[in-house]
């Protein structure tokens, strides 16, 4: 197993552990954050129905209008604001946060804090 495979296996193991404890319902869907080196993705998911209620990424037109990079903490904050506003427009006020196996630090923390500032409760 090379270095990249070990890293991916560790992330998958941590994500499975998080997902064993965190599940979204129709009353409190799951805010799932996925991070790559250059981009980020955030989705609000109802696990019971198996549906994505809303989602944004740093590749979408909403984020591109901000002019920020998806690889920075500032970009992650902008993404959190956008997902918070979209969730409120969809009638979602409370969510459970799924950090996707990543540390609650840096860009993941920035998305969570700016989503809270936008009005989501978690």
PDB file of N, CA and C in Angstrom:
ATOM      1  N   UNK A   1       0.855  -1.181   0.000  1.00  0.00           N
ATOM      2  CA  UNK A   1       0.000   0.000   0.000  1.00  0.00           C
ATOM      3  C   UNK A   1       0.898   1.239   0.000  1.00  0.00           C
ATOM      4  N   UNK A   2       0.718   2.070  -1.019  1.00  0.00           N
ATOM      5  CA  UNK A   2       1.551   3.262  -1.077  1.00  0.00           C
ATOM      6  C   UNK A   2       0.977   4.375  -0.196  1.00  0.00           C
ATOM      7  N   UNK A   3       1.653   5.507  -0.185  1.00  0.00           N
ATOM      8  CA  UNK A   3       1.299   6.607   0.714  1.00  0.00           C
ATOM      9  C   UNK A   3      -0.097   7.166   0.425  1.00  0.00           C
ATOM     10  N   UNK A   4      -0.441   7.335  -0.850  1.00  0.00           N
ATOM     11  CA  UNK A   4      -1.750   7.873  -1.210  1.00  0.00           C
ATOM     12  C   UNK A   4      -2.874   6.918  -0.816  1.00  0.00           C
ATOM     13  N   UNK A   5      -2.673   5.623  -1.032  1.00  0.00           N
ATOM     14  CA  UNK A   5      -3.691   4.636  -0.654  1.00  0.00           C
ATOM     15  C   UNK A   5      -3.897   4.622   0.857  1.00  0.00           C
ATOM     16  N   UNK A   6      -2.819   4.750   1.630  1.00  0.00           N
ATOM     17  CA  UNK A   6      -2.940   4.800   3.087  1.00  0.00           C
ATOM     18  C   UNK A   6      -3.743   6.019   3.532  1.00  0.00           C
ATOM     19  N   UNK A   7      -3.451   7.154   2.893  1.00  0.00           N
ATOM     20  CA  UNK A   7      -4.150   8.391   3.231  1.00  0.00           C
ATOM     21  C   UNK A   7      -5.642   8.273   2.924  1.00  0.00           C
ATOM     22  N   UNK A   8      -5.982   7.733   1.756  1.00  0.00           N
ATOM     23  CA  UNK A   8      -7.383   7.567   1.366  1.00  0.00           C
ATOM     24  C   UNK A   8      -8.096   6.557   2.255  1.00  0.00           C
ATOM     25  N   UNK A   9      -7.401   5.495   2.635  1.00  0.00           N
ATOM     26  CA  UNK A   9      -8.002   4.482   3.504  1.00  0.00           C
ATOM     27  C   UNK A   9      -8.282   5.058   4.888  1.00  0.00           C
ATOM     28  N   UNK A  10      -7.372   5.875   5.396  1.00  0.00           N
ATOM     29  CA  UNK A  10      -7.577   6.507   6.695  1.00  0.00           C
ATOM     30  C   UNK A  10      -8.757   7.455   6.678  1.00  0.00           C
ATOM     31  N   UNK A  11      -8.875   8.250   5.608  1.00  0.00           N
ATOM     32  CA  UNK A  11      -9.994   9.176   5.487  1.00  0.00           C
ATOM     33  C   UNK A  11     -11.311   8.405   5.407  1.00  0.00           C
ATOM     34  N   UNK A  12     -11.343   7.335   4.630  1.00  0.00           N
ATOM     35  CA  UNK A  12     -12.559   6.525   4.505  1.00  0.00           C
ATOM     36  C   UNK A  12     -12.932   5.901   5.846  1.00  0.00           C
ATOM     37  N   UNK A  13     -11.938   5.434   6.604  1.00  0.00           N
ATOM     38  CA  UNK A  13     -12.196   4.836   7.912  1.00  0.00           C
ATOM     39  C   UNK A  13     -12.769   5.871   8.878  1.00  0.00           C
ATOM     40  N   UNK A  14     -12.193   7.075   8.894  1.00  0.00           N
ATOM     41  CA  UNK A  14     -12.709   8.131   9.772  1.00  0.00           C
ATOM     42  C   UNK A  14     -14.110   8.556   9.358  1.00  0.00           C
ATOM     43  N   UNK A  15     -14.361   8.631   8.046  1.00  0.00           N
ATOM     44  CA  UNK A  15     -15.682   9.023   7.576  1.00  0.00           C
ATOM     45  C   UNK A  15     -16.731   7.982   7.959  1.00  0.00           C
ATOM     46  N   UNK A  16     -16.393   6.694   7.854  1.00  0.00           N
ATOM     47  CA  UNK A  16     -17.318   5.633   8.286  1.00  0.00           C
ATOM     48  C   UNK A  16     -17.632   5.760   9.766  1.00  0.00           C
ATOM     49  N   UNK A  17     -16.631   6.082  10.557  1.00  0.00           N
ATOM     50  CA  UNK A  17     -16.837   6.224  11.999  1.00  0.00           C
ATOM     51  C   UNK A  17     -17.762   7.409  12.294  1.00  0.00           C
ATOM     52  N   UNK A  18     -17.566   8.526  11.599  1.00  0.00           N
ATOM     53  CA  UNK A  18     -18.428   9.694  11.781  1.00  0.00           C
ATOM     54  C   UNK A  18     -19.848   9.369  11.344  1.00  0.00           C
ATOM     55  N   UNK A  19     -19.986   8.700  10.186  1.00  0.00           N
ATOM     56  CA  UNK A  19     -21.313   8.393   9.661  1.00  0.00           C
ATOM     57  C   UNK A  19     -22.064   7.381  10.502  1.00  0.00           C
ATOM     58  N   UNK A  20     -21.363   6.615  11.316  1.00  0.00           N
ATOM     59  CA  UNK A  20     -22.032   5.704  12.232  1.00  0.00           C
ATOM     60  C   UNK A  20     -22.763   6.441  13.335  1.00  0.00           C
ATOM     61  N   UNK A  21     -22.352   7.669  13.589  1.00  0.00           N
ATOM     62  CA  UNK A  21     -22.940   8.459  14.672  1.00  0.00           C
ATOM     63  C   UNK A  21     -23.842   9.580  14.170  1.00  0.00           C
ATOM     64  N   UNK A  22     -23.663  10.015  12.913  1.00  0.00           N
ATOM     65  CA  UNK A  22     -24.375  11.170  12.381  1.00  0.00           C
ATOM     66  C   UNK A  22     -25.280  10.720  11.247  1.00  0.00           C
ATOM     67  N   UNK A  23     -26.567  11.031  11.366  1.00  0.00           N
ATOM     68  CA  UNK A  23     -27.510  10.699  10.312  1.00  0.00           C
ATOM     69  C   UNK A  23     -28.530  11.819  10.194  1.00  0.00           C
ATOM     70  N   UNK A  24     -28.934  12.122   8.970  1.00  0.00           N
ATOM     71  CA  UNK A  24     -29.881  13.207   8.738  1.00  0.00           C
ATOM     72  C   UNK A  24     -31.305  12.703   8.615  1.00  0.00           C
ATOM     73  N   UNK A  25     -32.232  13.467   9.160  1.00  0.00           N
ATOM     74  CA  UNK A  25     -33.660  13.165   9.048  1.00  0.00           C
ATOM     75  C   UNK A  25     -34.339  14.321   8.318  1.00  0.00           C
ATOM     76  N   UNK A  26     -35.636  14.210   8.112  1.00  0.00           N
ATOM     77  CA  UNK A  26     -36.330  15.306   7.436  1.00  0.00           C
ATOM     78  C   UNK A  26     -36.400  16.541   8.335  1.00  0.00           C
ATOM     79  N   UNK A  27     -36.439  16.343   9.663  1.00  0.00           N
ATOM     80  CA  UNK A  27     -36.472  17.480  10.585  1.00  0.00           C
ATOM     81  C   UNK A  27     -35.084  18.118  10.717  1.00  0.00           C
ATOM     82  N   UNK A  28     -34.049  17.270  10.787  1.00  0.00           N
ATOM     83  CA  UNK A  28     -32.665  17.754  10.902  1.00  0.00           C
ATOM     84  C   UNK A  28     -31.794  17.022   9.894  1.00  0.00           C
ATOM     85  N   UNK A  29     -31.712  17.547   8.669  1.00  0.00           N
ATOM     86  CA  UNK A  29     -30.874  16.885   7.672  1.00  0.00           C
ATOM     87  C   UNK A  29     -29.392  17.034   7.992  1.00  0.00           C
ATOM     88  N   UNK A  30     -28.580  16.316   7.239  1.00  0.00           N
ATOM     89  CA  UNK A  30     -27.133  16.284   7.458  1.00  0.00           C
ATOM     90  C   UNK A  30     -26.455  17.263   6.510  1.00  0.00           C
ATOM     91  N   UNK A  31     -25.613  18.142   7.056  1.00  0.00           N
ATOM     92  CA  UNK A  31     -24.786  19.035   6.247  1.00  0.00           C
ATOM     93  C   UNK A  31     -23.439  18.357   6.060  1.00  0.00           C
ATOM     94  N   UNK A  32     -23.220  17.807   4.877  1.00  0.00           N
ATOM     95  CA  UNK A  32     -22.015  17.042   4.569  1.00  0.00           C
ATOM     96  C   UNK A  32     -21.030  17.921   3.815  1.00  0.00           C
ATOM     97  N   UNK A  33     -19.791  18.002   4.306  1.00  0.00           N
ATOM     98  CA  UNK A  33     -18.751  18.806   3.674  1.00  0.00           C
ATOM     99  C   UNK A  33     -17.663  17.877   3.154  1.00  0.00           C
ATOM    100  N   UNK A  34     -17.333  18.022   1.872  1.00  0.00           N
ATOM    101  CA  UNK A  34     -16.275  17.250   1.240  1.00  0.00           C
ATOM    102  C   UNK A  34     -15.210  18.221   0.769  1.00  0.00           C
ATOM    103  N   UNK A  35     -13.961  17.839   0.940  1.00  0.00           N
ATOM    104  CA  UNK A  35     -12.855  18.741   0.641  1.00  0.00           C
ATOM    105  C   UNK A  35     -11.827  18.019  -0.218  1.00  0.00           C
ATOM    106  N   UNK A  36     -11.355  18.704  -1.245  1.00  0.00           N
ATOM    107  CA  UNK A  36     -10.205  18.227  -2.000  1.00  0.00           C
ATOM    108  C   UNK A  36      -9.120  19.301  -1.868  1.00  0.00           C
ATOM    109  N   UNK A  37      -8.002  19.106  -2.528  1.00  0.00           N
ATOM    110  CA  UNK A  37      -6.940  20.102  -2.408  1.00  0.00           C
ATOM    111  C   UNK A  37      -7.343  21.447  -2.991  1.00  0.00           C
ATOM    112  N   UNK A  38      -8.140  21.437  -4.044  1.00  0.00           N
ATOM    113  CA  UNK A  38      -8.449  22.686  -4.727  1.00  0.00           C
ATOM    114  C   UNK A  38      -9.910  23.117  -4.658  1.00  0.00           C
ATOM    115  N   UNK A  39     -10.819  22.254  -4.230  1.00  0.00           N
ATOM    116  CA  UNK A  39     -12.243  22.581  -4.212  1.00  0.00           C
ATOM    117  C   UNK A  39     -12.923  22.035  -2.970  1.00  0.00           C
ATOM    118  N   UNK A  40     -14.143  22.526  -2.722  1.00  0.00           N
ATOM    119  CA  UNK A  40     -14.965  22.050  -1.613  1.00  0.00           C
ATOM    120  C   UNK A  40     -16.400  21.887  -2.099  1.00  0.00           C
ATOM    121  N   UNK A  41     -17.107  20.995  -1.439  1.00  0.00           N
ATOM    122  CA  UNK A  41     -18.493  20.701  -1.783  1.00  0.00           C
ATOM    123  C   UNK A  41     -19.282  20.611  -0.476  1.00  0.00           C
ATOM    124  N   UNK A  42     -20.501  21.154  -0.463  1.00  0.00           N
ATOM    125  CA  UNK A  42     -21.363  21.071   0.714  1.00  0.00           C
ATOM    126  C   UNK A  42     -22.762  20.688   0.257  1.00  0.00           C
ATOM    127  N   UNK A  43     -23.345  19.694   0.949  1.00  0.00           N
ATOM    128  CA  UNK A  43     -24.685  19.236   0.604  1.00  0.00           C
ATOM    129  C   UNK A  43     -25.509  19.100   1.869  1.00  0.00           C
ATOM    130  N   UNK A  44     -26.801  19.365   1.750  1.00  0.00           N
ATOM    131  CA  UNK A  44     -27.750  19.115   2.838  1.00  0.00           C
ATOM    132  C   UNK A  44     -28.562  17.895   2.406  1.00  0.00           C
ATOM    133  N   UNK A  45     -28.459  16.814   3.195  1.00  0.00           N
ATOM    134  CA  UNK A  45     -28.983  15.506   2.791  1.00  0.00           C
ATOM    135  C   UNK A  45     -29.981  14.975   3.813  1.00  0.00           C
ATOM    136  N   UNK A  46     -31.099  14.451   3.323  1.00  0.00           N
ATOM    137  CA  UNK A  46     -32.065  13.716   4.143  1.00  0.00           C
ATOM    138  C   UNK A  46     -31.769  12.234   3.936  1.00  0.00           C
ATOM    139  N   UNK A  47     -31.139  11.589   4.930  1.00  0.00           N
ATOM    140  CA  UNK A  47     -30.721  10.193   4.791  1.00  0.00           C
ATOM    141  C   UNK A  47     -31.895   9.220   4.823  1.00  0.00           C
ATOM    142  N   UNK A  48     -32.981   9.573   5.497  1.00  0.00           N
ATOM    143  CA  UNK A  48     -34.135   8.683   5.575  1.00  0.00           C
ATOM    144  C   UNK A  48     -34.769   8.528   4.189  1.00  0.00           C
ATOM    145  N   UNK A  49     -34.964   9.654   3.502  1.00  0.00           N
ATOM    146  CA  UNK A  49     -35.550   9.618   2.161  1.00  0.00           C
ATOM    147  C   UNK A  49     -34.497   9.357   1.091  1.00  0.00           C
ATOM    148  N   UNK A  50     -33.227   9.525   1.434  1.00  0.00           N
ATOM    149  CA  UNK A  50     -32.156   9.318   0.471  1.00  0.00           C
ATOM    150  C   UNK A  50     -32.094  10.408  -0.580  1.00  0.00           C
ATOM    151  N   UNK A  51     -32.375  11.661  -0.180  1.00  0.00           N
ATOM    152  CA  UNK A  51     -32.413  12.767  -1.133  1.00  0.00           C
ATOM    153  C   UNK A  51     -31.487  13.894  -0.697  1.00  0.00           C
ATOM    154  N   UNK A  52     -30.877  14.532  -1.684  1.00  0.00           N
ATOM    155  CA  UNK A  52     -30.104  15.747  -1.446  1.00  0.00           C
ATOM    156  C   UNK A  52     -31.056  16.923  -1.568  1.00  0.00           C
ATOM    157  N   UNK A  53     -31.179  17.709  -0.497  1.00  0.00           N
ATOM    158  CA  UNK A  53     -32.128  18.813  -0.473  1.00  0.00           C
ATOM    159  C   UNK A  53     -31.554  20.062  -1.135  1.00  0.00           C
ATOM    160  N   UNK A  54     -30.284  20.326  -0.931  1.00  0.00           N
ATOM    161  CA  UNK A  54     -29.607  21.414  -1.639  1.00  0.00           C
ATOM    162  C   UNK A  54     -28.105  21.195  -1.536  1.00  0.00           C
ATOM    163  N   UNK A  55     -27.382  21.789  -2.446  1.00  0.00           N
ATOM    164  CA  UNK A  55     -25.941  21.610  -2.448  1.00  0.00           C
ATOM    165  C   UNK A  55     -25.245  22.705  -3.228  1.00  0.00           C
ATOM    166  N   UNK A  56     -24.007  22.987  -2.841  1.00  0.00           N
ATOM    167  CA  UNK A  56     -23.183  23.969  -3.551  1.00  0.00           C
ATOM    168  C   UNK A  56     -21.754  23.452  -3.600  1.00  0.00           C
ATOM    169  N   UNK A  57     -21.002  23.992  -4.535  1.00  0.00           N
ATOM    170  CA  UNK A  57     -19.588  23.665  -4.604  1.00  0.00           C
ATOM    171  C   UNK A  57     -18.822  24.897  -5.038  1.00  0.00           C
ATOM    172  N   UNK A  58     -17.528  24.827  -4.907  1.00  0.00           N
ATOM    173  CA  UNK A  58     -16.693  25.944  -5.329  1.00  0.00           C
ATOM    174  C   UNK A  58     -16.591  26.015  -6.847  1.00  0.00           C
ATOM    175  N   UNK A  59     -17.160  25.045  -7.547  1.00  0.00           N
ATOM    176  CA  UNK A  59     -17.153  25.042  -9.011  1.00  0.00           C
ATOM    177  C   UNK A  59     -18.428  25.648  -9.596  1.00  0.00           C
ATOM    178  N   UNK A  60     -19.420  25.919  -8.748  1.00  0.00           N
ATOM    179  CA  UNK A  60     -20.712  26.416  -9.216  1.00  0.00           C
ATOM    180  C   UNK A  60     -20.733  27.908  -9.471  1.00  0.00           C
ATOM    181  N   UNK A  61     -21.761  28.370 -10.170  1.00  0.00           N
ATOM    182  CA  UNK A  61     -21.853  29.798 -10.514  1.00  0.00           C
ATOM    183  C   UNK A  61     -22.065  30.703  -9.304  1.00  0.00           C
ATOM    184  N   UNK A  62     -22.758  30.204  -8.252  1.00  0.00           N
ATOM    185  CA  UNK A  62     -22.969  31.018  -7.051  1.00  0.00           C
ATOM    186  C   UNK A  62     -21.635  31.379  -6.403  1.00  0.00           C
ATOM    187  N   UNK A  63     -20.754  30.383  -6.323  1.00  0.00           N
ATOM    188  CA  UNK A  63     -19.450  30.617  -5.697  1.00  0.00           C
ATOM    189  C   UNK A  63     -18.528  31.405  -6.614  1.00  0.00           C
ATOM    190  N   UNK A  64     -18.559  31.124  -7.905  1.00  0.00           N
ATOM    191  CA  UNK A  64     -17.666  31.813  -8.855  1.00  0.00           C
ATOM    192  C   UNK A  64     -17.910  33.315  -8.838  1.00  0.00           C
ATOM    193  N   UNK A  65     -19.154  33.738  -8.538  1.00  0.00           N
ATOM    194  CA  UNK A  65     -19.481  35.161  -8.501  1.00  0.00           C
ATOM    195  C   UNK A  65     -18.746  35.879  -7.373  1.00  0.00           C
ATOM    196  N   UNK A  66     -18.326  35.151  -6.328  1.00  0.00           N
ATOM    197  CA  UNK A  66     -17.599  35.780  -5.218  1.00  0.00           C
ATOM    198  C   UNK A  66     -16.165  36.104  -5.599  1.00  0.00           C
ATOM    199  N   UNK A  67     -15.612  35.395  -6.577  1.00  0.00           N
ATOM    200  CA  UNK A  67     -14.243  35.652  -7.020  1.00  0.00           C
ATOM    201  C   UNK A  67     -13.177  35.103  -6.103  1.00  0.00           C
ATOM    202  N   UNK A  68     -13.550  34.181  -5.221  1.00  0.00           N
ATOM    203  CA  UNK A  68     -12.583  33.601  -4.280  1.00  0.00           C
ATOM    204  C   UNK A  68     -12.145  32.222  -4.749  1.00  0.00           C
ATOM    205  N   UNK A  69     -11.068  31.730  -4.138  1.00  0.00           N
ATOM    206  CA  UNK A  69     -10.533  30.417  -4.474  1.00  0.00           C
ATOM    207  C   UNK A  69     -11.130  29.365  -3.539  1.00  0.00           C
ATOM    208  N   UNK A  70     -11.394  28.178  -4.063  1.00  0.00           N
ATOM    209  CA  UNK A  70     -11.946  27.100  -3.251  1.00  0.00           C
ATOM    210  C   UNK A  70     -10.915  26.429  -2.369  1.00  0.00           C
ATOM    211  N   UNK A  71      -9.647  26.796  -2.526  1.00  0.00           N
ATOM    212  CA  UNK A  71      -8.579  26.161  -1.765  1.00  0.00           C
ATOM    213  C   UNK A  71      -8.176  26.970  -0.540  1.00  0.00           C
ATOM    214  N   UNK A  72      -8.919  28.041  -0.217  1.00  0.00           N
ATOM    215  CA  UNK A  72      -8.545  28.898   0.903  1.00  0.00           C
ATOM    216  C   UNK A  72      -9.634  28.928   1.962  1.00  0.00           C
ATOM    217  N   UNK A  73      -9.271  29.393   3.139  1.00  0.00           N
ATOM    218  CA  UNK A  73     -10.222  29.516   4.243  1.00  0.00           C
ATOM    219  C   UNK A  73     -11.268  30.581   3.903  1.00  0.00           C
ATOM    220  N   UNK A  74     -10.859  31.653   3.227  1.00  0.00           N
ATOM    221  CA  UNK A  74     -11.815  32.687   2.827  1.00  0.00           C
ATOM    222  C   UNK A  74     -12.851  32.122   1.859  1.00  0.00           C
ATOM    223  N   UNK A  75     -12.405  31.285   0.934  1.00  0.00           N
ATOM    224  CA  UNK A  75     -13.325  30.639   0.004  1.00  0.00           C
ATOM    225  C   UNK A  75     -14.278  29.699   0.721  1.00  0.00           C
ATOM    226  N   UNK A  76     -13.766  28.986   1.722  1.00  0.00           N
ATOM    227  CA  UNK A  76     -14.607  28.078   2.497  1.00  0.00           C
ATOM    228  C   UNK A  76     -15.667  28.853   3.267  1.00  0.00           C
ATOM    229  N   UNK A  77     -15.303  30.037   3.785  1.00  0.00           N
ATOM    230  CA  UNK A  77     -16.282  30.866   4.482  1.00  0.00           C
ATOM    231  C   UNK A  77     -17.391  31.309   3.534  1.00  0.00           C
ATOM    232  N   UNK A  78     -17.017  31.690   2.316  1.00  0.00           N
ATOM    233  CA  UNK A  78     -18.010  32.093   1.324  1.00  0.00           C
ATOM    234  C   UNK A  78     -18.930  30.920   0.977  1.00  0.00           C
ATOM    235  N   UNK A  79     -18.363  29.719   0.878  1.00  0.00           N
ATOM    236  CA  UNK A  79     -19.166  28.522   0.590  1.00  0.00           C
ATOM    237  C   UNK A  79     -20.161  28.257   1.722  1.00  0.00           C
ATOM    238  N   UNK A  80     -19.728  28.427   2.970  1.00  0.00           N
ATOM    239  CA  UNK A  80     -20.610  28.240   4.112  1.00  0.00           C
ATOM    240  C   UNK A  80     -21.774  29.216   4.117  1.00  0.00           C
ATOM    241  N   UNK A  81     -21.496  30.461   3.753  1.00  0.00           N
ATOM    242  CA  UNK A  81     -22.572  31.458   3.667  1.00  0.00           C
ATOM    243  C   UNK A  81     -23.590  31.058   2.608  1.00  0.00           C
ATOM    244  N   UNK A  82     -23.100  30.619   1.453  1.00  0.00           N
ATOM    245  CA  UNK A  82     -23.991  30.257   0.346  1.00  0.00           C
ATOM    246  C   UNK A  82     -24.857  29.060   0.722  1.00  0.00           C
ATOM    247  N   UNK A  83     -24.267  28.020   1.328  1.00  0.00           N
ATOM    248  CA  UNK A  83     -25.061  26.838   1.693  1.00  0.00           C
ATOM    249  C   UNK A  83     -26.056  27.190   2.806  1.00  0.00           C
ATOM    250  N   UNK A  84     -25.674  28.078   3.715  1.00  0.00           N
ATOM    251  CA  UNK A  84     -26.592  28.507   4.764  1.00  0.00           C
ATOM    252  C   UNK A  84     -27.805  29.219   4.191  1.00  0.00           C
ATOM    253  N   UNK A  85     -27.565  30.115   3.242  1.00  0.00           N
ATOM    254  CA  UNK A  85     -28.673  30.849   2.621  1.00  0.00           C
ATOM    255  C   UNK A  85     -29.567  29.924   1.808  1.00  0.00           C
ATOM    256  N   UNK A  86     -28.955  29.004   1.055  1.00  0.00           N
ATOM    257  CA  UNK A  86     -29.757  28.065   0.247  1.00  0.00           C
ATOM    258  C   UNK A  86     -30.599  27.163   1.140  1.00  0.00           C
ATOM    259  N   UNK A  87     -30.044  26.721   2.261  1.00  0.00           N
ATOM    260  CA  UNK A  87     -30.800  25.856   3.163  1.00  0.00           C
ATOM    261  C   UNK A  87     -31.977  26.614   3.776  1.00  0.00           C
ATOM    262  N   UNK A  88     -31.756  27.860   4.159  1.00  0.00           N
ATOM    263  CA  UNK A  88     -32.846  28.655   4.724  1.00  0.00           C
ATOM    264  C   UNK A  88     -33.939  28.897   3.679  1.00  0.00           C
ATOM    265  N   UNK A  89     -33.554  29.118   2.429  1.00  0.00           N
ATOM    266  CA  UNK A  89     -34.539  29.283   1.361  1.00  0.00           C
ATOM    267  C   UNK A  89     -35.351  28.006   1.160  1.00  0.00           C
ATOM    268  N   UNK A  90     -34.731  26.854   1.399  1.00  0.00           N
ATOM    269  CA  UNK A  90     -35.424  25.566   1.257  1.00  0.00           C
ATOM    270  C   UNK A  90     -36.231  25.211   2.502  1.00  0.00           C
ATOM    271  N   UNK A  91     -36.218  26.089   3.506  1.00  0.00           N
ATOM    272  CA  UNK A  91     -37.002  25.861   4.716  1.00  0.00           C
ATOM    273  C   UNK A  91     -36.291  25.022   5.763  1.00  0.00           C
ATOM    274  N   UNK A  92     -34.978  24.923   5.684  1.00  0.00           N
ATOM    275  CA  UNK A  92     -34.196  24.131   6.631  1.00  0.00           C
ATOM    276  C   UNK A  92     -33.525  25.091   7.607  1.00  0.00           C
ATOM    277  N   UNK A  93     -33.783  24.900   8.909  1.00  0.00           N
ATOM    278  CA  UNK A  93     -33.184  25.789   9.901  1.00  0.00           C
ATOM    279  C   UNK A  93     -32.169  25.077  10.790  1.00  0.00           C
ATOM    280  N   UNK A  94     -32.338  23.759  10.979  1.00  0.00           N
ATOM    281  CA  UNK A  94     -31.436  23.005  11.853  1.00  0.00           C
ATOM    282  C   UNK A  94     -30.873  21.811  11.096  1.00  0.00           C
ATOM    283  N   UNK A  95     -29.577  21.575  11.251  1.00  0.00           N
ATOM    284  CA  UNK A  95     -28.900  20.463  10.588  1.00  0.00           C
ATOM    285  C   UNK A  95     -27.968  19.778  11.576  1.00  0.00           C
ATOM    286  N   UNK A  96     -27.468  18.611  11.188  1.00  0.00           N
ATOM    287  CA  UNK A  96     -26.360  17.973  11.903  1.00  0.00           C
ATOM    288  C   UNK A  96     -25.152  18.073  10.981  1.00  0.00           C
ATOM    289  N   UNK A  97     -23.981  18.325  11.532  1.00  0.00           N
ATOM    290  CA  UNK A  97     -22.790  18.590  10.731  1.00  0.00           C
ATOM    291  C   UNK A  97     -21.980  17.317  10.552  1.00  0.00           C
ATOM    292  N   UNK A  98     -21.674  17.007   9.299  1.00  0.00           N
ATOM    293  CA  UNK A  98     -20.846  15.851   8.948  1.00  0.00           C
ATOM    294  C   UNK A  98     -19.547  16.386   8.358  1.00  0.00           C
ATOM    295  N   UNK A  99     -18.458  16.244   9.103  1.00  0.00           N
ATOM    296  CA  UNK A  99     -17.166  16.786   8.670  1.00  0.00           C
ATOM    297  C   UNK A  99     -16.464  15.880   7.677  1.00  0.00           C
ATOM    298  N   UNK A 100     -17.051  14.752   7.345  1.00  0.00           N
ATOM    299  CA  UNK A 100     -16.533  13.887   6.300  1.00  0.00           C
ATOM    300  C   UNK A 100     -15.215  13.216   6.613  1.00  0.00           C
ATOM    301  N   UNK A 101     -14.918  12.977   7.869  1.00  0.00           N
ATOM    302  CA  UNK A 101     -13.673  12.316   8.233  1.00  0.00           C
ATOM    303  C   UNK A 101     -12.495  13.259   8.358  1.00  0.00           C
ATOM    304  N   UNK A 102     -12.688  14.537   8.013  1.00  0.00           N
ATOM    305  CA  UNK A 102     -11.621  15.524   8.135  1.00  0.00           C
ATOM    306  C   UNK A 102     -11.615  16.122   9.534  1.00  0.00           C
ATOM    307  N   UNK A 103     -10.487  16.680   9.932  1.00  0.00           N
ATOM    308  CA  UNK A 103     -10.406  17.371  11.206  1.00  0.00           C
ATOM    309  C   UNK A 103     -11.279  18.615  11.176  1.00  0.00           C
ATOM    310  N   UNK A 104     -11.887  18.946  12.303  1.00  0.00           N
ATOM    311  CA  UNK A 104     -12.667  20.180  12.421  1.00  0.00           C
ATOM    312  C   UNK A 104     -11.664  21.311  12.615  1.00  0.00           C
ATOM    313  N   UNK A 105     -11.108  21.773  11.489  1.00  0.00           N
ATOM    314  CA  UNK A 105      -9.996  22.705  11.524  1.00  0.00           C
ATOM    315  C   UNK A 105      -9.882  23.344  10.152  1.00  0.00           C
ATOM    316  N   UNK A 106      -9.434  24.551  10.066  1.00  0.00           N
ATOM    317  CA  UNK A 106      -9.168  25.182   8.781  1.00  0.00           C
ATOM    318  C   UNK A 106     -10.411  25.394   7.948  1.00  0.00           C
ATOM    319  N   UNK A 107     -10.421  24.837   6.736  1.00  0.00           N
ATOM    320  CA  UNK A 107     -11.525  25.074   5.801  1.00  0.00           C
ATOM    321  C   UNK A 107     -12.829  24.444   6.264  1.00  0.00           C
ATOM    322  N   UNK A 108     -12.755  23.273   6.912  1.00  0.00           N
ATOM    323  CA  UNK A 108     -13.978  22.617   7.407  1.00  0.00           C
ATOM    324  C   UNK A 108     -14.613  23.480   8.490  1.00  0.00           C
ATOM    325  N   UNK A 109     -13.803  23.988   9.402  1.00  0.00           N
ATOM    326  CA  UNK A 109     -14.289  24.854  10.475  1.00  0.00           C
ATOM    327  C   UNK A 109     -14.867  26.151   9.901  1.00  0.00           C
ATOM    328  N   UNK A 110     -14.231  26.704   8.872  1.00  0.00           N
ATOM    329  CA  UNK A 110     -14.704  27.948   8.258  1.00  0.00           C
ATOM    330  C   UNK A 110     -16.084  27.766   7.632  1.00  0.00           C
ATOM    331  N   UNK A 111     -16.323  26.632   6.972  1.00  0.00           N
ATOM    332  CA  UNK A 111     -17.641  26.354   6.392  1.00  0.00           C
ATOM    333  C   UNK A 111     -18.683  26.277   7.498  1.00  0.00           C
ATOM    334  N   UNK A 112     -18.363  25.563   8.574  1.00  0.00           N
ATOM    335  CA  UNK A 112     -19.322  25.395   9.673  1.00  0.00           C
ATOM    336  C   UNK A 112     -19.656  26.732  10.332  1.00  0.00           C
ATOM    337  N   UNK A 113     -18.648  27.522  10.615  1.00  0.00           N
ATOM    338  CA  UNK A 113     -18.895  28.790  11.316  1.00  0.00           C
ATOM    339  C   UNK A 113     -19.675  29.771  10.460  1.00  0.00           C
ATOM    340  N   UNK A 114     -19.377  29.848   9.163  1.00  0.00           N
ATOM    341  CA  UNK A 114     -20.107  30.779   8.320  1.00  0.00           C
ATOM    342  C   UNK A 114     -21.531  30.290   8.037  1.00  0.00           C
ATOM    343  N   UNK A 115     -21.754  28.981   8.027  1.00  0.00           N
ATOM    344  CA  UNK A 115     -23.118  28.472   7.898  1.00  0.00           C
ATOM    345  C   UNK A 115     -23.933  28.815   9.143  1.00  0.00           C
ATOM    346  N   UNK A 116     -23.294  28.750  10.309  1.00  0.00           N
ATOM    347  CA  UNK A 116     -23.972  29.166  11.550  1.00  0.00           C
ATOM    348  C   UNK A 116     -24.320  30.645  11.499  1.00  0.00           C
ATOM    349  N   UNK A 117     -23.384  31.463  11.027  1.00  0.00           N
ATOM    350  CA  UNK A 117     -23.634  32.905  10.933  1.00  0.00           C
ATOM    351  C   UNK A 117     -24.754  33.211   9.948  1.00  0.00           C
ATOM    352  N   UNK A 118     -24.896  32.379   8.917  1.00  0.00           N
ATOM    353  CA  UNK A 118     -25.965  32.579   7.927  1.00  0.00           C
ATOM    354  C   UNK A 118     -27.332  32.203   8.485  1.00  0.00           C
ATOM    355  N   UNK A 119     -27.370  31.495   9.625  1.00  0.00           N
ATOM    356  CA  UNK A 119     -28.649  31.200  10.266  1.00  0.00           C
ATOM    357  C   UNK A 119     -28.943  29.734  10.522  1.00  0.00           C
ATOM    358  N   UNK A 120     -28.075  28.823  10.108  1.00  0.00           N
ATOM    359  CA  UNK A 120     -28.296  27.397  10.401  1.00  0.00           C
ATOM    360  C   UNK A 120     -27.958  27.106  11.855  1.00  0.00           C
ATOM    361  N   UNK A 121     -28.703  26.192  12.448  1.00  0.00           N
ATOM    362  CA  UNK A 121     -28.450  25.812  13.844  1.00  0.00           C
ATOM    363  C   UNK A 121     -27.886  24.395  13.887  1.00  0.00           C
ATOM    364  N   UNK A 122     -26.701  24.247  14.499  1.00  0.00           N
ATOM    365  CA  UNK A 122     -26.102  22.954  14.753  1.00  0.00           C
ATOM    366  C   UNK A 122     -24.982  23.099  15.737  1.00  0.00           C
TER     367      UNK A 122
END
